[in-house]
Amino acid sequence: MLHGPHYAAWGVVALLQLDTGTYDDLVMIDMTAGVSLPGPIDIQTVRPAALVLAGEINDRGILPSQLDGGSLALNGKSWKIIAHQMKPSPNGDLDGEIALLLEKA
């Protein structure tokens, strides 16, 4: 409910490939131009990313830890997922977003 309108307006369908299978109907927000995310020692960095609703990942039986090392086709470009970062809503992790940190494939 919190993120739905945002994804309806700016979301695009992406293809996610993991060891557990291929998922071709995930709606993500393309942030590959760079997004500022906090690092492990509170130093922010700008890097390519994609945002996906945690509920979409959970509904498909994917654990967030399974995202790392996967690949993503988004807006005609191929990316490798190097890490993920949880962005919980006030209702917790499963209601928030997951930022996928990317590098060109």
PDB file of N, CA and C in Angstrom:
ATOM      1  N   MET A   1       0.822  -1.184   0.000  1.00  0.00           N
ATOM      2  CA  MET A   1       0.000   0.000   0.000  1.00  0.00           C
ATOM      3  C   MET A   1       0.878   1.264   0.000  1.00  0.00           C
ATOM      4  N   LEU A   2       1.935   1.235   0.757  1.00  0.00           N
ATOM      5  CA  LEU A   2       2.831   2.375   0.854  1.00  0.00           C
ATOM      6  C   LEU A   2       3.592   2.606  -0.452  1.00  0.00           C
ATOM      7  N   HIS A   3       4.114   1.525  -1.044  1.00  0.00           N
ATOM      8  CA  HIS A   3       4.958   1.641  -2.226  1.00  0.00           C
ATOM      9  C   HIS A   3       4.209   1.415  -3.536  1.00  0.00           C
ATOM     10  N   GLY A   4       3.002   0.885  -3.498  1.00  0.00           N
ATOM     11  CA  GLY A   4       2.263   0.522  -4.697  1.00  0.00           C
ATOM     12  C   GLY A   4       2.167   1.607  -5.755  1.00  0.00           C
ATOM     13  N   PRO A   5       1.742   2.812  -5.400  1.00  0.00           N
ATOM     14  CA  PRO A   5       1.649   3.867  -6.421  1.00  0.00           C
ATOM     15  C   PRO A   5       2.988   4.215  -7.055  1.00  0.00           C
ATOM     16  N   HIS A   6       4.040   4.161  -6.282  1.00  0.00           N
ATOM     17  CA  HIS A   6       5.394   4.440  -6.776  1.00  0.00           C
ATOM     18  C   HIS A   6       5.787   3.415  -7.851  1.00  0.00           C
ATOM     19  N   TYR A   7       5.525   2.148  -7.586  1.00  0.00           N
ATOM     20  CA  TYR A   7       5.859   1.091  -8.539  1.00  0.00           C
ATOM     21  C   TYR A   7       4.932   1.111  -9.747  1.00  0.00           C
ATOM     22  N   ALA A   8       3.676   1.503  -9.548  1.00  0.00           N
ATOM     23  CA  ALA A   8       2.746   1.610 -10.675  1.00  0.00           C
ATOM     24  C   ALA A   8       3.183   2.708 -11.640  1.00  0.00           C
ATOM     25  N   ALA A   9       3.737   3.784 -11.124  1.00  0.00           N
ATOM     26  CA  ALA A   9       4.142   4.911 -11.962  1.00  0.00           C
ATOM     27  C   ALA A   9       5.507   4.701 -12.611  1.00  0.00           C
ATOM     28  N   TRP A  10       6.482   4.182 -11.876  1.00  0.00           N
ATOM     29  CA  TRP A  10       7.857   4.106 -12.367  1.00  0.00           C
ATOM     30  C   TRP A  10       8.403   2.694 -12.532  1.00  0.00           C
ATOM     31  N   GLY A  11       7.642   1.707 -12.162  1.00  0.00           N
ATOM     32  CA  GLY A  11       8.126   0.326 -12.254  1.00  0.00           C
ATOM     33  C   GLY A  11       8.182  -0.190 -13.678  1.00  0.00           C
ATOM     34  N   VAL A  12       9.149  -1.035 -13.935  1.00  0.00           N
ATOM     35  CA  VAL A  12       9.281  -1.714 -15.220  1.00  0.00           C
ATOM     36  C   VAL A  12       9.440  -3.208 -14.952  1.00  0.00           C
ATOM     37  N   VAL A  13       9.017  -4.021 -15.909  1.00  0.00           N
ATOM     38  CA  VAL A  13       9.147  -5.465 -15.759  1.00  0.00           C
ATOM     39  C   VAL A  13      10.590  -5.864 -16.031  1.00  0.00           C
ATOM     40  N   ALA A  14      11.133  -6.693 -15.156  1.00  0.00           N
ATOM     41  CA  ALA A  14      12.526  -7.131 -15.255  1.00  0.00           C
ATOM     42  C   ALA A  14      12.587  -8.655 -15.258  1.00  0.00           C
ATOM     43  N   LEU A  15      13.685  -9.168 -15.767  1.00  0.00           N
ATOM     44  CA  LEU A  15      13.957 -10.602 -15.786  1.00  0.00           C
ATOM     45  C   LEU A  15      15.070 -10.883 -14.783  1.00  0.00           C
ATOM     46  N   LEU A  16      14.773 -11.706 -13.807  1.00  0.00           N
ATOM     47  CA  LEU A  16      15.726 -12.060 -12.759  1.00  0.00           C
ATOM     48  C   LEU A  16      16.102 -13.520 -12.924  1.00  0.00           C
ATOM     49  N   GLN A  17      17.400 -13.809 -12.972  1.00  0.00           N
ATOM     50  CA  GLN A  17      17.878 -15.181 -13.071  1.00  0.00           C
ATOM     51  C   GLN A  17      18.710 -15.509 -11.840  1.00  0.00           C
ATOM     52  N   LEU A  18      18.286 -16.561 -11.153  1.00  0.00           N
ATOM     53  CA  LEU A  18      18.959 -17.028  -9.947  1.00  0.00           C
ATOM     54  C   LEU A  18      19.219 -18.517 -10.077  1.00  0.00           C
ATOM     55  N   ASP A  19      19.945 -19.089  -9.136  1.00  0.00           N
ATOM     56  CA  ASP A  19      20.139 -20.535  -9.097  1.00  0.00           C
ATOM     57  C   ASP A  19      18.810 -21.263  -8.907  1.00  0.00           C
ATOM     58  N   THR A  20      17.847 -20.592  -8.291  1.00  0.00           N
ATOM     59  CA  THR A  20      16.548 -21.208  -8.008  1.00  0.00           C
ATOM     60  C   THR A  20      15.581 -21.138  -9.184  1.00  0.00           C
ATOM     61  N   GLY A  21      15.921 -20.399 -10.235  1.00  0.00           N
ATOM     62  CA  GLY A  21      15.049 -20.314 -11.397  1.00  0.00           C
ATOM     63  C   GLY A  21      15.090 -18.948 -12.047  1.00  0.00           C
ATOM     64  N   THR A  22      14.223 -18.786 -13.046  1.00  0.00           N
ATOM     65  CA  THR A  22      14.109 -17.535 -13.786  1.00  0.00           C
ATOM     66  C   THR A  22      12.747 -16.924 -13.487  1.00  0.00           C
ATOM     67  N   TYR A  23      12.749 -15.656 -13.198  1.00  0.00           N
ATOM     68  CA  TYR A  23      11.529 -14.927 -12.852  1.00  0.00           C
ATOM     69  C   TYR A  23      11.425 -13.753 -13.817  1.00  0.00           C
ATOM     70  N   ASP A  24      10.426 -13.800 -14.699  1.00  0.00           N
ATOM     71  CA  ASP A  24      10.352 -12.803 -15.771  1.00  0.00           C
ATOM     72  C   ASP A  24       9.228 -11.792 -15.602  1.00  0.00           C
ATOM     73  N   ASP A  25       8.659 -11.728 -14.431  1.00  0.00           N
ATOM     74  CA  ASP A  25       7.519 -10.840 -14.236  1.00  0.00           C
ATOM     75  C   ASP A  25       7.647  -9.947 -12.997  1.00  0.00           C
ATOM     76  N   LEU A  26       8.864  -9.702 -12.566  1.00  0.00           N
ATOM     77  CA  LEU A  26       9.076  -8.844 -11.399  1.00  0.00           C
ATOM     78  C   LEU A  26       9.050  -7.377 -11.815  1.00  0.00           C
ATOM     79  N   VAL A  27       8.360  -6.566 -11.068  1.00  0.00           N
ATOM     80  CA  VAL A  27       8.334  -5.127 -11.320  1.00  0.00           C
ATOM     81  C   VAL A  27       9.399  -4.479 -10.439  1.00  0.00           C
ATOM     82  N   MET A  28      10.286  -3.737 -11.096  1.00  0.00           N
ATOM     83  CA  MET A  28      11.384  -3.085 -10.381  1.00  0.00           C
ATOM     84  C   MET A  28      11.468  -1.621 -10.794  1.00  0.00           C
ATOM     85  N   ILE A  29      12.137  -0.858  -9.973  1.00  0.00           N
ATOM     86  CA  ILE A  29      12.407   0.539 -10.303  1.00  0.00           C
ATOM     87  C   ILE A  29      13.874   0.643 -10.675  1.00  0.00           C
ATOM     88  N   ASP A  30      14.119   1.141 -11.873  1.00  0.00           N
ATOM     89  CA  ASP A  30      15.462   1.264 -12.424  1.00  0.00           C
ATOM     90  C   ASP A  30      16.172   2.461 -11.794  1.00  0.00           C
ATOM     91  N   MET A  31      17.204   2.177 -11.035  1.00  0.00           N
ATOM     92  CA  MET A  31      18.028   3.213 -10.410  1.00  0.00           C
ATOM     93  C   MET A  31      19.477   3.042 -10.884  1.00  0.00           C
ATOM     94  N   THR A  32      19.638   2.530 -12.121  1.00  0.00           N
ATOM     95  CA  THR A  32      20.972   2.219 -12.607  1.00  0.00           C
ATOM     96  C   THR A  32      21.801   3.453 -12.940  1.00  0.00           C
ATOM     97  N   ALA A  33      21.182   4.618 -12.982  1.00  0.00           N
ATOM     98  CA  ALA A  33      21.953   5.852 -13.146  1.00  0.00           C
ATOM     99  C   ALA A  33      22.743   6.150 -11.875  1.00  0.00           C
ATOM    100  N   GLY A  34      22.380   5.504 -10.792  1.00  0.00           N
ATOM    101  CA  GLY A  34      23.093   5.659  -9.527  1.00  0.00           C
ATOM    102  C   GLY A  34      22.173   6.106  -8.425  1.00  0.00           C
ATOM    103  N   VAL A  35      22.318   5.505  -7.293  1.00  0.00           N
ATOM    104  CA  VAL A  35      21.531   5.833  -6.114  1.00  0.00           C
ATOM    105  C   VAL A  35      22.472   5.885  -4.921  1.00  0.00           C
ATOM    106  N   SER A  36      22.201   6.775  -4.012  1.00  0.00           N
ATOM    107  CA  SER A  36      23.018   6.912  -2.818  1.00  0.00           C
ATOM    108  C   SER A  36      22.482   5.980  -1.743  1.00  0.00           C
ATOM    109  N   LEU A  37      23.310   5.047  -1.334  1.00  0.00           N
ATOM    110  CA  LEU A  37      22.943   4.092  -0.291  1.00  0.00           C
ATOM    111  C   LEU A  37      24.014   4.092   0.785  1.00  0.00           C
ATOM    112  N   PRO A  38      23.630   3.941   2.035  1.00  0.00           N
ATOM    113  CA  PRO A  38      24.638   3.906   3.090  1.00  0.00           C
ATOM    114  C   PRO A  38      25.512   2.664   2.976  1.00  0.00           C
ATOM    115  N   GLY A  39      26.781   2.838   3.267  1.00  0.00           N
ATOM    116  CA  GLY A  39      27.724   1.728   3.254  1.00  0.00           C
ATOM    117  C   GLY A  39      27.878   1.138   4.639  1.00  0.00           C
ATOM    118  N   PRO A  40      28.766   0.150   4.779  1.00  0.00           N
ATOM    119  CA  PRO A  40      28.913  -0.537   6.065  1.00  0.00           C
ATOM    120  C   PRO A  40      29.469   0.337   7.185  1.00  0.00           C
ATOM    121  N   ILE A  41      30.119   1.442   6.837  1.00  0.00           N
ATOM    122  CA  ILE A  41      30.664   2.308   7.886  1.00  0.00           C
ATOM    123  C   ILE A  41      30.054   3.710   7.787  1.00  0.00           C
ATOM    124  N   ASP A  42      28.791   3.764   7.375  1.00  0.00           N
ATOM    125  CA  ASP A  42      28.033   5.009   7.265  1.00  0.00           C
ATOM    126  C   ASP A  42      28.646   6.018   6.305  1.00  0.00           C
ATOM    127  N   ILE A  43      29.314   5.513   5.273  1.00  0.00           N
ATOM    128  CA  ILE A  43      29.778   6.364   4.193  1.00  0.00           C
ATOM    129  C   ILE A  43      28.895   6.071   2.998  1.00  0.00           C
ATOM    130  N   GLN A  44      28.215   7.078   2.493  1.00  0.00           N
ATOM    131  CA  GLN A  44      27.327   6.838   1.376  1.00  0.00           C
ATOM    132  C   GLN A  44      28.105   6.784   0.076  1.00  0.00           C
ATOM    133  N   THR A  45      27.628   5.958  -0.827  1.00  0.00           N
ATOM    134  CA  THR A  45      28.241   5.806  -2.129  1.00  0.00           C
ATOM    135  C   THR A  45      27.150   5.829  -3.193  1.00  0.00           C
ATOM    136  N   VAL A  46      27.489   6.250  -4.389  1.00  0.00           N
ATOM    137  CA  VAL A  46      26.534   6.249  -5.490  1.00  0.00           C
ATOM    138  C   VAL A  46      26.888   5.079  -6.394  1.00  0.00           C
ATOM    139  N   ARG A  47      25.929   4.197  -6.591  1.00  0.00           N
ATOM    140  CA  ARG A  47      26.161   3.025  -7.416  1.00  0.00           C
ATOM    141  C   ARG A  47      24.872   2.624  -8.109  1.00  0.00           C
ATOM    142  N   PRO A  48      24.972   1.877  -9.224  1.00  0.00           N
ATOM    143  CA  PRO A  48      23.765   1.425  -9.908  1.00  0.00           C
ATOM    144  C   PRO A  48      22.996   0.439  -9.034  1.00  0.00           C
ATOM    145  N   ALA A  49      21.679   0.563  -9.076  1.00  0.00           N
ATOM    146  CA  ALA A  49      20.831  -0.302  -8.260  1.00  0.00           C
ATOM    147  C   ALA A  49      19.477  -0.463  -8.935  1.00  0.00           C
ATOM    148  N   ALA A  50      18.726  -1.397  -8.427  1.00  0.00           N
ATOM    149  CA  ALA A  50      17.328  -1.580  -8.793  1.00  0.00           C
ATOM    150  C   ALA A  50      16.578  -1.832  -7.499  1.00  0.00           C
ATOM    151  N   LEU A  51      15.364  -1.334  -7.426  1.00  0.00           N
ATOM    152  CA  LEU A  51      14.529  -1.546  -6.245  1.00  0.00           C
ATOM    153  C   LEU A  51      13.408  -2.501  -6.590  1.00  0.00           C
ATOM    154  N   VAL A  52      13.113  -3.412  -5.684  1.00  0.00           N
ATOM    155  CA  VAL A  52      12.018  -4.359  -5.854  1.00  0.00           C
ATOM    156  C   VAL A  52      11.289  -4.471  -4.520  1.00  0.00           C
ATOM    157  N   LEU A  53       9.992  -4.673  -4.585  1.00  0.00           N
ATOM    158  CA  LEU A  53       9.226  -4.856  -3.355  1.00  0.00           C
ATOM    159  C   LEU A  53       9.598  -6.188  -2.709  1.00  0.00           C
ATOM    160  N   ALA A  54       9.859  -6.158  -1.423  1.00  0.00           N
ATOM    161  CA  ALA A  54      10.219  -7.377  -0.705  1.00  0.00           C
ATOM    162  C   ALA A  54       9.102  -8.409  -0.805  1.00  0.00           C
ATOM    163  N   GLY A  55       7.868  -7.957  -0.838  1.00  0.00           N
ATOM    164  CA  GLY A  55       6.738  -8.881  -0.964  1.00  0.00           C
ATOM    165  C   GLY A  55       6.762  -9.658  -2.266  1.00  0.00           C
ATOM    166  N   GLU A  56       7.197  -9.021  -3.363  1.00  0.00           N
ATOM    167  CA  GLU A  56       7.283  -9.736  -4.652  1.00  0.00           C
ATOM    168  C   GLU A  56       8.316 -10.848  -4.577  1.00  0.00           C
ATOM    169  N   ILE A  57       9.428 -10.591  -3.916  1.00  0.00           N
ATOM    170  CA  ILE A  57      10.477 -11.604  -3.761  1.00  0.00           C
ATOM    171  C   ILE A  57       9.972 -12.721  -2.847  1.00  0.00           C
ATOM    172  N   ASN A  58       9.379 -12.350  -1.734  1.00  0.00           N
ATOM    173  CA  ASN A  58       8.878 -13.319  -0.777  1.00  0.00           C
ATOM    174  C   ASN A  58       7.765 -14.180  -1.381  1.00  0.00           C
ATOM    175  N   ASP A  59       6.861 -13.579  -2.163  1.00  0.00           N
ATOM    176  CA  ASP A  59       5.743 -14.320  -2.771  1.00  0.00           C
ATOM    177  C   ASP A  59       6.232 -15.422  -3.705  1.00  0.00           C
ATOM    178  N   ARG A  60       7.420 -15.285  -4.255  1.00  0.00           N
ATOM    179  CA  ARG A  60       7.972 -16.290  -5.169  1.00  0.00           C
ATOM    180  C   ARG A  60       8.866 -17.296  -4.438  1.00  0.00           C
ATOM    181  N   GLY A  61       8.924 -17.200  -3.120  1.00  0.00           N
ATOM    182  CA  GLY A  61       9.711 -18.144  -2.337  1.00  0.00           C
ATOM    183  C   GLY A  61      11.203 -17.893  -2.404  1.00  0.00           C
ATOM    184  N   ILE A  62      11.595 -16.681  -2.780  1.00  0.00           N
ATOM    185  CA  ILE A  62      13.014 -16.335  -2.871  1.00  0.00           C
ATOM    186  C   ILE A  62      13.460 -15.703  -1.557  1.00  0.00           C
ATOM    187  N   LEU A  63      14.558 -16.181  -1.027  1.00  0.00           N
ATOM    188  CA  LEU A  63      15.152 -15.555   0.147  1.00  0.00           C
ATOM    189  C   LEU A  63      16.039 -14.411  -0.331  1.00  0.00           C
ATOM    190  N   PRO A  64      16.066 -13.287   0.374  1.00  0.00           N
ATOM    191  CA  PRO A  64      16.928 -12.182  -0.050  1.00  0.00           C
ATOM    192  C   PRO A  64      18.386 -12.594  -0.267  1.00  0.00           C
ATOM    193  N   SER A  65      18.891 -13.506   0.544  1.00  0.00           N
ATOM    194  CA  SER A  65      20.281 -13.947   0.398  1.00  0.00           C
ATOM    195  C   SER A  65      20.523 -14.663  -0.929  1.00  0.00           C
ATOM    196  N   GLN A  66      19.475 -15.207  -1.547  1.00  0.00           N
ATOM    197  CA  GLN A  66      19.618 -15.890  -2.832  1.00  0.00           C
ATOM    198  C   GLN A  66      19.781 -14.915  -3.995  1.00  0.00           C
ATOM    199  N   LEU A  67      19.521 -13.628  -3.772  1.00  0.00           N
ATOM    200  CA  LEU A  67      19.634 -12.632  -4.828  1.00  0.00           C
ATOM    201  C   LEU A  67      21.084 -12.347  -5.210  1.00  0.00           C
ATOM    202  N   ASP A  68      21.971 -12.385  -4.226  1.00  0.00           N
ATOM    203  CA  ASP A  68      23.386 -12.074  -4.460  1.00  0.00           C
ATOM    204  C   ASP A  68      23.992 -13.055  -5.452  1.00  0.00           C
ATOM    205  N   GLY A  69      24.640 -12.527  -6.494  1.00  0.00           N
ATOM    206  CA  GLY A  69      25.258 -13.361  -7.512  1.00  0.00           C
ATOM    207  C   GLY A  69      24.342 -13.660  -8.690  1.00  0.00           C
ATOM    208  N   GLY A  70      23.082 -13.265  -8.585  1.00  0.00           N
ATOM    209  CA  GLY A  70      22.141 -13.479  -9.680  1.00  0.00           C
ATOM    210  C   GLY A  70      22.356 -12.470 -10.793  1.00  0.00           C
ATOM    211  N   SER A  71      21.558 -12.586 -11.838  1.00  0.00           N
ATOM    212  CA  SER A  71      21.642 -11.626 -12.928  1.00  0.00           C
ATOM    213  C   SER A  71      20.270 -11.020 -13.183  1.00  0.00           C
ATOM    214  N   LEU A  72      20.290  -9.850 -13.788  1.00  0.00           N
ATOM    215  CA  LEU A  72      19.081  -9.062 -13.971  1.00  0.00           C
ATOM    216  C   LEU A  72      19.110  -8.412 -15.346  1.00  0.00           C
ATOM    217  N   ALA A  73      18.026  -8.533 -16.087  1.00  0.00           N
ATOM    218  CA  ALA A  73      17.855  -7.805 -17.340  1.00  0.00           C
ATOM    219  C   ALA A  73      16.801  -6.736 -17.070  1.00  0.00           C
ATOM    220  N   LEU A  74      17.205  -5.485 -17.235  1.00  0.00           N
ATOM    221  CA  LEU A  74      16.356  -4.360 -16.874  1.00  0.00           C
ATOM    222  C   LEU A  74      16.518  -3.253 -17.912  1.00  0.00           C
ATOM    223  N   ASN A  75      15.418  -2.865 -18.533  1.00  0.00           N
ATOM    224  CA  ASN A  75      15.436  -1.794 -19.539  1.00  0.00           C
ATOM    225  C   ASN A  75      16.475  -2.018 -20.634  1.00  0.00           C
ATOM    226  N   GLY A  76      16.586  -3.270 -21.096  1.00  0.00           N
ATOM    227  CA  GLY A  76      17.474  -3.584 -22.201  1.00  0.00           C
ATOM    228  C   GLY A  76      18.939  -3.740 -21.847  1.00  0.00           C
ATOM    229  N   LYS A  77      19.281  -3.725 -20.575  1.00  0.00           N
ATOM    230  CA  LYS A  77      20.675  -3.887 -20.147  1.00  0.00           C
ATOM    231  C   LYS A  77      20.782  -5.076 -19.201  1.00  0.00           C
ATOM    232  N   SER A  78      21.951  -5.701 -19.186  1.00  0.00           N
ATOM    233  CA  SER A  78      22.212  -6.851 -18.324  1.00  0.00           C
ATOM    234  C   SER A  78      23.094  -6.440 -17.160  1.00  0.00           C
ATOM    235  N   TRP A  79      22.750  -6.935 -15.986  1.00  0.00           N
ATOM    236  CA  TRP A  79      23.450  -6.582 -14.761  1.00  0.00           C
ATOM    237  C   TRP A  79      23.717  -7.828 -13.927  1.00  0.00           C
ATOM    238  N   LYS A  80      24.775  -7.781 -13.135  1.00  0.00           N
ATOM    239  CA  LYS A  80      25.048  -8.795 -12.127  1.00  0.00           C
ATOM    240  C   LYS A  80      24.697  -8.192 -10.769  1.00  0.00           C
ATOM    241  N   ILE A  81      24.013  -8.950  -9.950  1.00  0.00           N
ATOM    242  CA  ILE A  81      23.659  -8.498  -8.601  1.00  0.00           C
ATOM    243  C   ILE A  81      24.837  -8.823  -7.682  1.00  0.00           C
ATOM    244  N   ILE A  82      25.472  -7.780  -7.164  1.00  0.00           N
ATOM    245  CA  ILE A  82      26.648  -8.016  -6.314  1.00  0.00           C
ATOM    246  C   ILE A  82      26.285  -8.059  -4.829  1.00  0.00           C
ATOM    247  N   ALA A  83      25.161  -7.455  -4.478  1.00  0.00           N
ATOM    248  CA  ALA A  83      24.724  -7.464  -3.075  1.00  0.00           C
ATOM    249  C   ALA A  83      23.290  -6.942  -3.023  1.00  0.00           C
ATOM    250  N   HIS A  84      22.682  -7.100  -1.879  1.00  0.00           N
ATOM    251  CA  HIS A  84      21.349  -6.539  -1.668  1.00  0.00           C
ATOM    252  C   HIS A  84      21.331  -5.805  -0.337  1.00  0.00           C
ATOM    253  N   GLN A  85      20.392  -4.904  -0.214  1.00  0.00           N
ATOM    254  CA  GLN A  85      20.244  -4.150   1.030  1.00  0.00           C
ATOM    255  C   GLN A  85      18.757  -4.016   1.322  1.00  0.00           C
ATOM    256  N   MET A  86      18.345  -4.428   2.493  1.00  0.00           N
ATOM    257  CA  MET A  86      16.942  -4.335   2.887  1.00  0.00           C
ATOM    258  C   MET A  86      16.597  -2.886   3.221  1.00  0.00           C
ATOM    259  N   LYS A  87      15.427  -2.466   2.760  1.00  0.00           N
ATOM    260  CA  LYS A  87      14.905  -1.131   3.067  1.00  0.00           C
ATOM    261  C   LYS A  87      13.504  -1.325   3.649  1.00  0.00           C
ATOM    262  N   PRO A  88      13.410  -1.674   4.930  1.00  0.00           N
ATOM    263  CA  PRO A  88      12.105  -1.987   5.514  1.00  0.00           C
ATOM    264  C   PRO A  88      11.196  -0.771   5.613  1.00  0.00           C
ATOM    265  N   SER A  89       9.900  -1.042   5.598  1.00  0.00           N
ATOM    266  CA  SER A  89       8.912   0.005   5.862  1.00  0.00           C
ATOM    267  C   SER A  89       8.673   0.028   7.368  1.00  0.00           C
ATOM    268  N   PRO A  90       7.834   0.924   7.854  1.00  0.00           N
ATOM    269  CA  PRO A  90       7.507   0.906   9.278  1.00  0.00           C
ATOM    270  C   PRO A  90       6.854  -0.409   9.725  1.00  0.00           C
ATOM    271  N   ASN A  91       6.352  -1.197   8.756  1.00  0.00           N
ATOM    272  CA  ASN A  91       5.724  -2.481   9.072  1.00  0.00           C
ATOM    273  C   ASN A  91       6.694  -3.654   9.014  1.00  0.00           C
ATOM    274  N   GLY A  92       7.973  -3.406   8.758  1.00  0.00           N
ATOM    275  CA  GLY A  92       8.967  -4.476   8.766  1.00  0.00           C
ATOM    276  C   GLY A  92       9.569  -4.775   7.407  1.00  0.00           C
ATOM    277  N   ASP A  93      10.500  -5.746   7.384  1.00  0.00           N
ATOM    278  CA  ASP A  93      11.237  -6.101   6.176  1.00  0.00           C
ATOM    279  C   ASP A  93      10.345  -6.581   5.041  1.00  0.00           C
ATOM    280  N   LEU A  94       9.350  -7.413   5.343  1.00  0.00           N
ATOM    281  CA  LEU A  94       8.536  -8.000   4.282  1.00  0.00           C
ATOM    282  C   LEU A  94       7.594  -7.006   3.625  1.00  0.00           C
ATOM    283  N   ASP A  95       7.431  -5.836   4.201  1.00  0.00           N
ATOM    284  CA  ASP A  95       6.560  -4.816   3.628  1.00  0.00           C
ATOM    285  C   ASP A  95       7.355  -3.717   2.933  1.00  0.00           C
ATOM    286  N   GLY A  96       8.660  -3.809   2.978  1.00  0.00           N
ATOM    287  CA  GLY A  96       9.506  -2.757   2.419  1.00  0.00           C
ATOM    288  C   GLY A  96      10.032  -3.097   1.032  1.00  0.00           C
ATOM    289  N   GLU A  97      11.204  -2.584   0.765  1.00  0.00           N
ATOM    290  CA  GLU A  97      11.856  -2.796  -0.523  1.00  0.00           C
ATOM    291  C   GLU A  97      13.199  -3.472  -0.312  1.00  0.00           C
ATOM    292  N   ILE A  98      13.725  -4.006  -1.407  1.00  0.00           N
ATOM    293  CA  ILE A  98      15.082  -4.536  -1.417  1.00  0.00           C
ATOM    294  C   ILE A  98      15.830  -3.780  -2.511  1.00  0.00           C
ATOM    295  N   ALA A  99      16.950  -3.191  -2.143  1.00  0.00           N
ATOM    296  CA  ALA A  99      17.817  -2.531  -3.127  1.00  0.00           C
ATOM    297  C   ALA A  99      18.820  -3.575  -3.607  1.00  0.00           C
ATOM    298  N   LEU A 100      18.843  -3.790  -4.916  1.00  0.00           N
ATOM    299  CA  LEU A 100      19.805  -4.692  -5.525  1.00  0.00           C
ATOM    300  C   LEU A 100      20.968  -3.859  -6.033  1.00  0.00           C
ATOM    301  N   LEU A 101      22.153  -4.074  -5.507  1.00  0.00           N
ATOM    302  CA  LEU A 101      23.340  -3.338  -5.924  1.00  0.00           C
ATOM    303  C   LEU A 101      23.927  -4.057  -7.124  1.00  0.00           C
ATOM    304  N   LEU A 102      24.159  -3.323  -8.191  1.00  0.00           N
ATOM    305  CA  LEU A 102      24.459  -3.924  -9.488  1.00  0.00           C
ATOM    306  C   LEU A 102      25.815  -3.512 -10.043  1.00  0.00           C
ATOM    307  N   GLU A 103      26.324  -4.352 -10.952  1.00  0.00           N
ATOM    308  CA  GLU A 103      27.455  -3.995 -11.800  1.00  0.00           C
ATOM    309  C   GLU A 103      27.140  -4.538 -13.193  1.00  0.00           C
ATOM    310  N   LYS A 104      27.670  -3.908 -14.212  1.00  0.00           N
ATOM    311  CA  LYS A 104      27.377  -4.341 -15.580  1.00  0.00           C
ATOM    312  C   LYS A 104      27.860  -5.766 -15.796  1.00  0.00           C
ATOM    313  N   ALA A 105      27.045  -6.538 -16.483  1.00  0.00           N
ATOM    314  CA  ALA A 105      27.380  -7.946 -16.745  1.00  0.00           C
ATOM    315  C   ALA A 105      28.364  -8.044 -17.894  1.00  0.00           C
TER     316      ALA A 105
END
